[in-house]
Amino acid sequence: MKISLKILHPMLSDAIGANKLELEFPGKTAGEMVTHIAKTFGKRAATALYDKTGVLDLEVQVLINHKTWVTRENLDERLEEGDRVQIMVMMGGG
């Protein structure tokens, strides 16, 4: 499957070396995409995505086609060829 990926997560974009790319991966879900990114781009990418227990970090969220939010609770959300996906880190503040 091939998707358009935009990365709004500084640690992850540094690990990958880009903040936008066309990503091809052998999967159908957001979770499979995240796993593929972690395996393909190495330890720095995995550290940016996962917490210390190896689960998607609570601060990392995925947005599919500007409408569907994915967190660690719904990584089985299906992706379709050509989807536009954003990975971001949520930060609090004020």
Protein backbone atom coordinates (compact mmCIF):
# COMPACT_ATOMS: atom_id res chain seq x y z
CA MET A 1 0.00 0.00 0.00
CA LYS A 2 1.20 3.52 -0.75
CA ILE A 3 0.21 6.57 1.30
CA SER A 4 1.26 10.22 1.56
CA LEU A 5 2.85 10.80 4.95
CA LYS A 6 3.37 14.16 6.65
CA ILE A 7 5.32 14.16 9.90
CA LEU A 8 4.62 16.83 12.52
CA HIS A 9 6.81 15.19 15.12
CA PRO A 10 10.33 16.69 15.34
CA MET A 11 12.08 13.58 16.71
CA LEU A 12 10.48 11.36 14.08
CA SER A 13 11.19 13.68 11.16
CA ASP A 14 14.83 13.91 12.31
CA ALA A 15 15.05 10.10 12.45
CA ILE A 16 13.55 9.73 8.98
CA GLY A 17 15.35 12.70 7.45
CA ALA A 18 12.20 14.27 6.02
CA ASN A 19 8.85 15.64 7.09
CA LYS A 20 6.95 14.49 3.98
CA LEU A 21 7.23 11.32 1.96
CA GLU A 22 5.37 8.77 -0.08
CA LEU A 23 5.44 5.63 2.04
CA GLU A 24 4.91 2.16 0.65
CA PHE A 25 4.40 -0.62 3.19
CA PRO A 26 3.00 -4.16 3.28
CA GLY A 27 -0.01 -3.57 5.49
CA LYS A 28 -3.56 -2.29 5.73
CA THR A 29 -3.84 -0.62 9.14
CA ALA A 30 -2.43 2.39 10.95
CA GLY A 31 -0.69 0.05 13.38
CA GLU A 32 1.03 -1.82 10.58
CA MET A 33 2.16 1.51 9.14
CA VAL A 34 3.63 2.60 12.48
CA THR A 35 5.40 -0.75 12.88
CA HIS A 36 6.81 -0.47 9.37
CA ILE A 37 8.15 3.04 10.06
CA ALA A 38 9.82 1.90 13.29
CA LYS A 39 11.45 -1.10 11.60
CA THR A 40 12.45 0.71 8.41
CA PHE A 41 13.91 3.86 9.97
CA GLY A 42 15.52 2.29 13.02
CA LYS A 43 15.88 2.85 16.73
CA ARG A 44 15.52 6.65 16.67
CA ALA A 45 12.20 6.35 14.83
CA ALA A 46 11.00 3.61 17.20
CA THR A 47 11.96 5.74 20.22
CA ALA A 48 9.98 8.66 18.78
CA LEU A 49 6.90 6.48 18.29
CA TYR A 50 6.82 4.08 21.23
CA ASP A 51 6.85 4.43 25.01
CA LYS A 52 9.17 2.40 27.25
CA THR A 53 6.81 -0.59 27.19
CA GLY A 54 6.84 -0.77 23.36
CA VAL A 55 3.33 0.62 22.88
CA LEU A 56 2.51 3.68 20.77
CA ASP A 57 3.27 6.66 23.01
CA LEU A 58 0.22 8.46 24.41
CA GLU A 59 1.49 11.74 22.93
CA VAL A 60 1.71 10.34 19.40
CA GLN A 61 -1.41 10.61 17.26
CA VAL A 62 -2.14 9.80 13.66
CA LEU A 63 -4.64 11.66 11.50
CA ILE A 64 -6.02 10.01 8.37
CA ASN A 65 -7.37 12.20 5.58
CA HIS A 66 -7.84 15.15 7.95
CA LYS A 67 -10.78 13.45 9.68
CA THR A 68 -9.99 10.17 11.48
CA TRP A 69 -7.83 10.27 14.63
CA VAL A 70 -5.83 7.20 15.57
CA THR A 71 -4.28 6.61 18.98
CA ARG A 72 -2.94 3.50 20.67
CA GLU A 73 -6.53 2.40 21.30
CA ASN A 74 -7.52 2.09 17.64
CA LEU A 75 -4.40 1.14 15.69
CA ASP A 76 -6.50 -1.32 13.72
CA GLU A 77 -8.00 1.61 11.77
CA ARG A 78 -7.82 0.67 8.10
CA LEU A 79 -5.87 2.64 5.55
CA GLU A 80 -6.59 2.82 1.83
CA GLU A 81 -4.25 3.31 -1.11
CA GLY A 82 -3.49 7.02 -1.52
CA ASP A 83 -4.60 8.07 1.98
CA ARG A 84 -3.08 11.23 3.40
CA VAL A 85 -1.67 10.50 6.83
CA GLN A 86 -0.15 12.81 9.41
CA ILE A 87 1.84 11.66 12.44
CA MET A 88 2.12 14.24 15.18
CA VAL A 89 3.13 14.60 18.77
CA MET A 90 0.61 16.31 21.01
CA MET A 91 1.98 18.76 23.52
CA GLY A 92 0.28 20.53 26.35
CA GLY A 93 0.90 24.07 27.32
CA GLY A 94 -0.66 27.39 27.58
